[in-house]
Amino acid sequence: MNADTQLRNNMLHPHHRFGRSMKRFKMSLLVLFYSFIVTNQSTLGAELNLTETDDTIRITLRGKPVVQYIKKSQPVPDGLPQYFSRSGYIHPVYTPTGQELTGDYPADHAHQHAIFFAWVKSQFDGKSVDFWNQAKDLGKVEFREVLNLRREEQSVSFSVKHAFMVKIGEEWIDALYEVWTVTVHQTPADHFVFDLVSVQQCASDKPLSLAEYHYGGMAFRGNVQWLREKDDHSINPGDVQFLTSDGKDRWEGNHTRPNWVAFSGQIDGQDVSATVFCSPKNFRAPQHVRIHPNKPYFCFAPMVEGPFEIVPGKEYVSRYRYLVTSKAADINMIEKHWDEYTKAENATEK
């Protein structure tokens, strides 16, 4: 229960020993209290709103949806096995004009869930584990609890806990715990900005070992309208196009190490774009990226460089910023936001 709710409950608690005058007095205080809250929220950027339900956490800006976090596994589309069910990810991500930028349960790769984090070729307690490819039934990621909801003057955020679980026999064992903190910032009407920080740590005295591999990590799956059937290097009107900070496209940019990856195209006939910035403080930054040649998907994949471990007693921290617009990718705008992001990151402790 938050402080505002507790305070409202305390003010509404009946005191039967008092007479009508006290009740009138309390009602006057209640009106005054609500007036203060409304005024205070207005001055603190009440255009940002966070709504939590049993299933989701949803953030809006000026009444327009920005992001939705999935607490409870959504129904698996007809025809797909139940093992594709998952919680603990973001979908949809919206553009300022209301298009859904992300895709979930795509028919070609139903294990890709909008904005999600999963490791692929890994080892835990001598057992091979894959948290990404759900059909293998070796590992999975699930939401556990909401840790914090927070309002600042120019932002709102939430923190949630995930568990990376390994199947040993018929039992599921926690291998990693992860905390996501998602922060949506107050922005002008032409773009949205939000940050995602992941902090992973071992759930026991056993490490998680990551092998060298060509993908895995923090991933983004785009709208189904961007799916291409063939890898023929052709570009049709409205197709999603990728661009890295080094000026490379989806074919040349794969397994390079850019500061950011932008993708741009049309959804429902509307130009849209998004850019994901990799913090200079991340492990092996700038991290390698996996950009798929014909699917609307990419991820930051530090294991491309070689194997590593997440060890007991040491946090594995990943930080990313997302810039979303309802226009084609604008390099000048992206570089301006990159400069602002790196200055903010360099000013933080970790």
Protein backbone atom coordinates (compact mmCIF):
# COMPACT_ATOMS: atom_id res chain seq x y z
CA MET A 1 0.00 0.00 0.00
CA ASN A 2 1.51 3.37 -0.96
CA ALA A 3 1.66 6.40 1.31
CA ASP A 4 -1.18 8.23 -0.47
CA THR A 5 -3.49 5.24 -0.11
CA GLN A 6 -2.54 4.78 3.55
CA LEU A 7 -3.14 8.44 4.27
CA ARG A 8 -6.52 8.36 2.54
CA ASN A 9 -7.48 5.26 4.54
CA ASN A 10 -6.42 6.88 7.79
CA MET A 11 -8.49 9.98 7.06
CA LEU A 12 -11.52 7.90 6.20
CA HIS A 13 -11.31 5.67 9.28
CA PRO A 14 -14.55 6.12 11.30
CA HIS A 15 -14.34 7.45 14.82
CA HIS A 16 -17.76 6.70 16.22
CA ARG A 17 -17.24 8.74 19.42
CA PHE A 18 -17.19 12.01 17.51
CA GLY A 19 -20.29 13.90 16.54
CA ARG A 20 -21.48 15.39 13.31
CA SER A 21 -19.24 18.43 13.64
CA MET A 22 -16.17 16.21 13.67
CA LYS A 23 -17.43 14.37 10.58
CA ARG A 24 -17.92 17.68 8.77
CA PHE A 25 -14.44 18.72 9.85
CA LYS A 26 -12.99 15.47 8.54
CA MET A 27 -14.78 15.88 5.22
CA SER A 28 -13.32 19.37 4.90
CA LEU A 29 -9.86 17.95 5.53
CA LEU A 30 -10.49 15.25 2.95
CA VAL A 31 -11.47 17.79 0.29
CA LEU A 32 -8.39 19.82 1.16
CA PHE A 33 -6.22 16.68 0.94
CA TYR A 34 -7.47 15.76 -2.53
CA SER A 35 -7.02 19.34 -3.70
CA PHE A 36 -3.40 19.22 -2.53
CA ILE A 37 -2.75 15.92 -4.27
CA VAL A 38 -4.16 17.11 -7.61
CA THR A 39 -2.21 20.37 -7.43
CA ASN A 40 0.97 18.62 -6.39
CA GLN A 41 0.79 16.05 -9.20
CA SER A 42 0.23 18.80 -11.73
CA THR A 43 3.41 20.57 -10.70
CA LEU A 44 5.38 17.30 -10.64
CA GLY A 45 4.52 16.23 -14.17
CA ALA A 46 1.23 14.39 -13.71
CA GLU A 47 1.14 13.96 -17.50
CA LEU A 48 2.99 10.70 -16.74
CA ASN A 49 0.77 8.04 -15.21
CA LEU A 50 1.51 4.50 -14.07
CA THR A 51 -1.28 1.95 -13.67
CA GLU A 52 -0.71 -1.47 -12.13
CA THR A 53 -3.13 -4.40 -12.43
CA ASP A 54 -2.79 -8.09 -11.60
CA ASP A 55 -1.58 -8.69 -15.16
CA THR A 56 0.38 -5.63 -16.26
CA ILE A 57 2.07 -2.34 -15.46
CA ARG A 58 1.21 0.38 -17.97
CA ILE A 59 2.70 3.87 -18.32
CA THR A 60 1.05 6.67 -20.28
CA LEU A 61 2.20 10.20 -21.16
CA ARG A 62 -0.45 12.86 -21.75
CA GLY A 63 -3.01 10.07 -22.00
CA LYS A 64 -1.05 8.17 -24.68
CA PRO A 65 0.37 4.72 -23.91
CA VAL A 66 4.16 4.44 -23.87
CA VAL A 67 5.00 0.94 -22.58
CA GLN A 68 3.30 -2.03 -20.99
CA TYR A 69 5.06 -4.61 -18.83
CA ILE A 70 3.73 -8.18 -18.68
CA LYS A 71 3.45 -9.49 -15.11
CA LYS A 72 1.18 -12.43 -15.88
CA SER A 73 1.70 -14.71 -18.89
CA GLN A 74 -0.67 -13.74 -21.69
CA PRO A 75 -2.75 -16.38 -23.50
CA VAL A 76 -0.66 -18.27 -26.04
CA PRO A 77 -2.08 -17.78 -29.56
CA ASP A 78 -4.09 -20.67 -30.99
CA GLY A 79 -1.94 -23.34 -32.55
CA LEU A 80 1.14 -22.66 -30.42
CA PRO A 81 2.32 -24.98 -27.62
CA GLN A 82 1.94 -23.73 -24.06
CA TYR A 83 5.68 -23.85 -23.44
CA PHE A 84 5.93 -20.55 -25.33
CA SER A 85 4.07 -18.84 -22.49
CA ARG A 86 6.19 -16.26 -20.69
CA SER A 87 6.01 -13.33 -18.24
CA GLY A 88 8.55 -10.68 -17.34
CA TYR A 89 8.91 -8.64 -20.53
CA ILE A 90 7.66 -5.42 -22.17
CA HIS A 91 4.91 -5.42 -24.78
CA PRO A 92 3.70 -3.34 -26.43
CA VAL A 93 6.05 -0.44 -26.90
CA TYR A 94 3.97 2.33 -28.47
CA THR A 95 4.87 5.19 -30.78
CA PRO A 96 3.63 8.75 -30.08
CA THR A 97 0.94 8.23 -32.75
CA GLY A 98 -0.24 4.99 -31.18
CA GLN A 99 1.31 2.22 -33.31
CA GLU A 100 2.55 -0.93 -31.58
CA LEU A 101 6.26 -1.02 -32.28
CA THR A 102 6.88 -4.47 -30.79
CA GLY A 103 5.64 -7.95 -31.68
CA ASP A 104 4.86 -10.89 -29.41
CA TYR A 105 4.53 -14.64 -30.09
CA PRO A 106 5.49 -14.25 -33.79
CA ALA A 107 4.60 -17.35 -35.79
CA ASP A 108 8.16 -17.71 -37.13
CA HIS A 109 9.90 -17.39 -33.72
CA ALA A 110 7.23 -17.63 -31.01
CA HIS A 111 9.89 -17.49 -28.27
CA GLN A 112 10.71 -13.86 -29.13
CA HIS A 113 8.70 -11.60 -26.83
CA ALA A 114 8.96 -7.90 -27.75
CA ILE A 115 11.59 -6.50 -25.30
CA PHE A 116 12.98 -9.46 -23.38
CA PHE A 117 16.23 -10.68 -21.82
CA ALA A 118 17.38 -14.30 -22.19
CA TRP A 119 20.66 -16.20 -22.37
CA VAL A 120 21.14 -18.97 -24.91
CA LYS A 121 24.13 -21.34 -24.77
CA SER A 122 24.89 -21.62 -21.06
CA GLN A 123 25.80 -24.02 -18.25
CA PHE A 124 24.47 -24.26 -14.68
CA ASP A 125 25.63 -26.86 -12.18
CA GLY A 126 27.03 -29.03 -14.99
CA LYS A 127 23.81 -28.87 -17.03
CA SER A 128 23.33 -27.26 -20.45
CA VAL A 129 20.72 -24.50 -20.26
CA ASP A 130 18.89 -22.36 -22.83
CA PHE A 131 16.59 -19.63 -21.48
CA TRP A 132 15.87 -18.27 -24.97
CA ASN A 133 14.59 -21.22 -27.03
CA GLN A 134 11.59 -22.24 -24.97
CA ALA A 135 10.79 -25.32 -27.06
CA LYS A 136 13.87 -27.04 -25.60
CA ASP A 137 12.24 -26.94 -22.15
CA LEU A 138 15.64 -26.50 -20.47
CA GLY A 139 15.26 -23.03 -18.98
CA LYS A 140 12.69 -20.29 -18.56
CA VAL A 141 12.27 -16.76 -17.21
CA GLU A 142 9.32 -15.63 -15.12
CA PHE A 143 8.06 -12.59 -13.23
CA ARG A 144 8.17 -12.94 -9.44
CA GLU A 145 7.14 -9.67 -7.79
CA VAL A 146 6.88 -5.89 -8.01
CA LEU A 147 9.57 -4.30 -5.85
CA ASN A 148 8.94 -0.60 -6.27
CA LEU A 149 6.80 2.03 -8.01
CA ARG A 150 8.31 5.50 -8.06
CA ARG A 151 7.45 9.02 -9.23
CA GLU A 152 10.08 11.69 -9.76
CA GLU A 153 9.59 15.23 -11.00
CA GLN A 154 10.18 14.32 -14.65
CA SER A 155 9.76 10.53 -14.71
CA VAL A 156 7.94 7.48 -13.40
CA SER A 157 9.49 4.06 -12.90
CA PHE A 158 8.91 0.56 -11.62
CA SER A 159 11.20 -2.22 -10.42
CA VAL A 160 10.30 -5.89 -10.79
CA LYS A 161 11.99 -9.18 -9.95
CA HIS A 162 12.48 -12.08 -12.39
CA ALA A 163 13.81 -15.60 -11.93
CA PHE A 164 15.92 -17.47 -14.51
CA MET A 165 14.99 -21.10 -13.88
CA VAL A 166 16.70 -24.35 -14.87
CA LYS A 167 14.91 -27.66 -15.29
CA ILE A 168 16.68 -30.43 -13.41
CA GLY A 169 14.74 -33.68 -13.74
CA GLU A 170 11.13 -32.63 -13.28
CA GLU A 171 11.99 -29.79 -10.90
CA TRP A 172 12.62 -26.13 -11.74
CA ILE A 173 15.54 -24.54 -9.87
CA ASP A 174 16.29 -20.80 -9.62
CA ALA A 175 19.69 -20.09 -11.20
CA LEU A 176 19.60 -16.29 -11.44
CA TYR A 177 17.55 -13.49 -9.99
CA GLU A 178 17.09 -10.37 -12.07
CA VAL A 179 15.72 -6.93 -11.21
CA TRP A 180 14.44 -4.72 -14.00
CA THR A 181 14.01 -1.01 -13.39
CA VAL A 182 12.08 0.68 -16.19
CA THR A 183 11.94 4.49 -16.21
CA VAL A 184 9.79 6.54 -18.59
CA HIS A 185 10.82 10.18 -18.93
CA GLN A 186 8.75 13.29 -19.48
CA THR A 187 9.33 14.28 -23.12
CA PRO A 188 7.87 16.55 -25.80
CA ALA A 189 5.01 15.17 -27.89
CA ASP A 190 7.18 14.07 -30.83
CA HIS A 191 9.07 11.27 -29.03
CA PHE A 192 9.15 8.88 -26.08
CA VAL A 193 12.24 7.98 -24.04
CA PHE A 194 12.56 5.17 -21.51
CA ASP A 195 15.43 3.40 -19.77
CA LEU A 196 15.77 -0.27 -18.88
CA VAL A 197 18.31 -1.40 -16.29
CA SER A 198 18.77 -5.14 -15.64
CA VAL A 199 20.67 -6.34 -12.56
CA GLN A 200 21.32 -10.10 -12.47
CA GLN A 201 22.88 -12.10 -9.66
CA CYS A 202 23.27 -15.77 -8.82
CA ALA A 203 20.45 -17.36 -6.84
CA SER A 204 22.85 -19.80 -5.16
CA ASP A 205 26.58 -20.44 -4.76
CA LYS A 206 26.70 -21.79 -8.33
CA PRO A 207 27.69 -19.56 -11.29
CA LEU A 208 26.03 -19.35 -14.69
CA SER A 209 28.54 -19.85 -17.49
CA LEU A 210 27.89 -18.31 -20.92
CA ALA A 211 29.61 -19.86 -23.95
CA GLU A 212 30.72 -17.93 -27.01
CA TYR A 213 27.66 -17.72 -29.26
CA HIS A 214 26.19 -15.60 -32.05
CA TYR A 215 23.14 -14.24 -30.18
CA GLY A 216 21.52 -13.84 -26.76
CA GLY A 217 21.01 -11.07 -24.20
CA MET A 218 18.80 -7.98 -24.31
CA ALA A 219 16.55 -8.36 -27.36
CA PHE A 220 13.96 -6.48 -29.36
CA ARG A 221 11.32 -8.08 -31.63
CA GLY A 222 9.46 -5.70 -33.91
CA ASN A 223 5.93 -5.55 -35.29
CA VAL A 224 4.83 -8.49 -37.46
CA GLN A 225 4.24 -6.12 -40.40
CA TRP A 226 8.04 -5.88 -40.73
CA LEU A 227 8.62 -9.59 -41.29
CA ARG A 228 10.40 -10.32 -44.59
CA GLU A 229 10.08 -13.70 -46.26
CA LYS A 230 13.46 -13.65 -47.98
CA ASP A 231 16.97 -12.38 -47.36
CA ASP A 232 17.48 -10.83 -50.78
CA HIS A 233 18.75 -7.36 -49.76
CA SER A 234 15.77 -5.71 -51.46
CA ILE A 235 14.02 -2.81 -49.71
CA ASN A 236 10.33 -2.24 -50.32
CA PRO A 237 8.34 0.83 -49.20
CA GLY A 238 7.59 0.59 -45.48
CA ASP A 239 10.11 -2.20 -44.80
CA VAL A 240 12.03 -1.95 -41.58
CA GLN A 241 15.60 -0.79 -42.10
CA PHE A 242 18.40 -1.00 -39.54
CA LEU A 243 21.16 1.55 -39.06
CA THR A 244 24.00 1.42 -36.54
CA SER A 245 26.03 4.28 -35.07
CA ASP A 246 28.81 3.22 -37.46
CA GLY A 247 26.54 3.78 -40.49
CA LYS A 248 26.00 0.07 -41.21
CA ASP A 249 22.76 -1.59 -42.32
CA ARG A 250 21.18 -4.87 -41.17
CA TRP A 251 23.55 -6.98 -43.27
CA GLU A 252 26.82 -5.12 -42.67
CA GLY A 253 26.00 -4.30 -39.04
CA ASN A 254 25.55 -7.84 -37.80
CA HIS A 255 28.17 -8.75 -35.13
CA THR A 256 29.67 -5.26 -35.12
CA ARG A 257 30.00 -3.16 -31.94
CA PRO A 258 27.97 0.05 -32.35
CA ASN A 259 26.96 2.50 -29.62
CA TRP A 260 23.37 2.30 -30.83
CA VAL A 261 21.07 0.53 -33.25
CA ALA A 262 18.18 2.35 -34.96
CA PHE A 263 15.38 0.78 -36.94
CA SER A 264 12.85 2.60 -39.05
CA GLY A 265 9.89 1.73 -41.26
CA GLN A 266 6.12 1.99 -41.51
CA ILE A 267 3.39 0.44 -39.38
CA ASP A 268 -0.18 0.85 -40.64
CA GLY A 269 1.18 3.36 -43.16
CA GLN A 270 2.77 5.57 -40.47
CA ASP A 271 6.50 6.28 -40.43
CA VAL A 272 7.99 5.15 -37.10
CA SER A 273 11.45 4.57 -35.67
CA ALA A 274 13.22 3.47 -32.53
CA THR A 275 16.81 3.61 -31.39
CA VAL A 276 18.36 1.52 -28.61
CA PHE A 277 21.43 2.95 -26.90
CA CYS A 278 23.93 0.64 -25.19
CA SER A 279 25.39 2.25 -22.07
CA PRO A 280 29.15 2.83 -22.18
CA LYS A 281 29.20 1.28 -18.69
CA ASN A 282 27.90 -2.09 -19.88
CA PHE A 283 30.06 -5.20 -19.82
CA ARG A 284 32.18 -5.27 -22.98
CA ALA A 285 30.68 -1.99 -24.20
CA PRO A 286 30.11 -1.22 -26.95
CA GLN A 287 28.55 -4.67 -27.09
CA HIS A 288 28.30 -6.80 -30.22
CA VAL A 289 24.87 -6.89 -31.85
CA ARG A 290 23.01 -9.64 -33.61
CA ILE A 291 20.87 -8.10 -36.38
CA HIS A 292 18.76 -10.63 -38.24
CA PRO A 293 18.92 -10.42 -42.06
CA ASN A 294 15.17 -10.66 -42.68
CA LYS A 295 13.29 -10.71 -39.36
CA PRO A 296 12.47 -7.53 -37.38
CA TYR A 297 14.72 -8.51 -34.52
CA PHE A 298 18.10 -7.71 -32.98
CA CYS A 299 19.86 -8.08 -29.63
CA PHE A 300 22.93 -6.90 -27.77
CA ALA A 301 25.08 -10.03 -27.45
CA PRO A 302 28.31 -9.67 -25.41
CA MET A 303 29.00 -13.43 -25.70
CA VAL A 304 29.89 -12.93 -29.38
CA GLU A 305 33.28 -11.74 -28.13
CA GLY A 306 33.82 -14.89 -26.06
CA PRO A 307 32.63 -16.82 -22.99
CA PHE A 308 32.09 -15.29 -19.56
CA GLU A 309 30.46 -16.09 -16.22
CA ILE A 310 27.94 -14.53 -13.87
CA VAL A 311 29.44 -15.46 -10.50
CA PRO A 312 28.06 -15.51 -6.95
CA GLY A 313 28.46 -12.26 -5.06
CA LYS A 314 28.87 -10.08 -8.17
CA GLU A 315 26.09 -8.31 -10.02
CA TYR A 316 25.83 -8.40 -13.80
CA VAL A 317 24.39 -5.01 -14.80
CA SER A 318 23.00 -4.07 -18.23
CA ARG A 319 21.70 -0.60 -19.08
CA TYR A 320 19.89 0.57 -22.22
CA ARG A 321 17.90 3.61 -23.36
CA TYR A 322 15.09 3.54 -25.94
CA LEU A 323 14.14 6.51 -28.14
CA VAL A 324 10.82 6.09 -30.00
CA THR A 325 9.39 8.44 -32.64
CA SER A 326 6.59 8.62 -35.19
CA LYS A 327 8.87 9.54 -38.07
CA ALA A 328 11.80 8.08 -39.95
CA ALA A 329 15.07 7.81 -38.04
CA ASP A 330 16.72 11.21 -37.69
CA ILE A 331 20.51 10.92 -37.25
CA ASN A 332 20.92 14.39 -35.76
CA MET A 333 18.19 13.70 -33.20
CA ILE A 334 19.69 10.30 -32.37
CA GLU A 335 23.18 11.70 -31.86
CA LYS A 336 21.82 14.46 -29.63
CA HIS A 337 20.09 11.87 -27.44
CA TRP A 338 23.21 9.68 -27.42
CA ASP A 339 25.25 12.60 -26.10
CA GLU A 340 22.66 13.30 -23.40
CA TYR A 341 22.50 9.62 -22.43
CA THR A 342 26.27 9.17 -22.14
CA LYS A 343 26.58 12.32 -20.00
CA ALA A 344 23.85 11.02 -17.70
CA GLU A 345 25.46 7.57 -17.52
CA ASN A 346 28.90 8.94 -16.77
CA ALA A 347 27.40 10.96 -13.94
CA THR A 348 25.99 7.85 -12.21
CA GLU A 349 27.80 5.57 -9.80
CA LYS A 350 27.21 2.34 -11.72
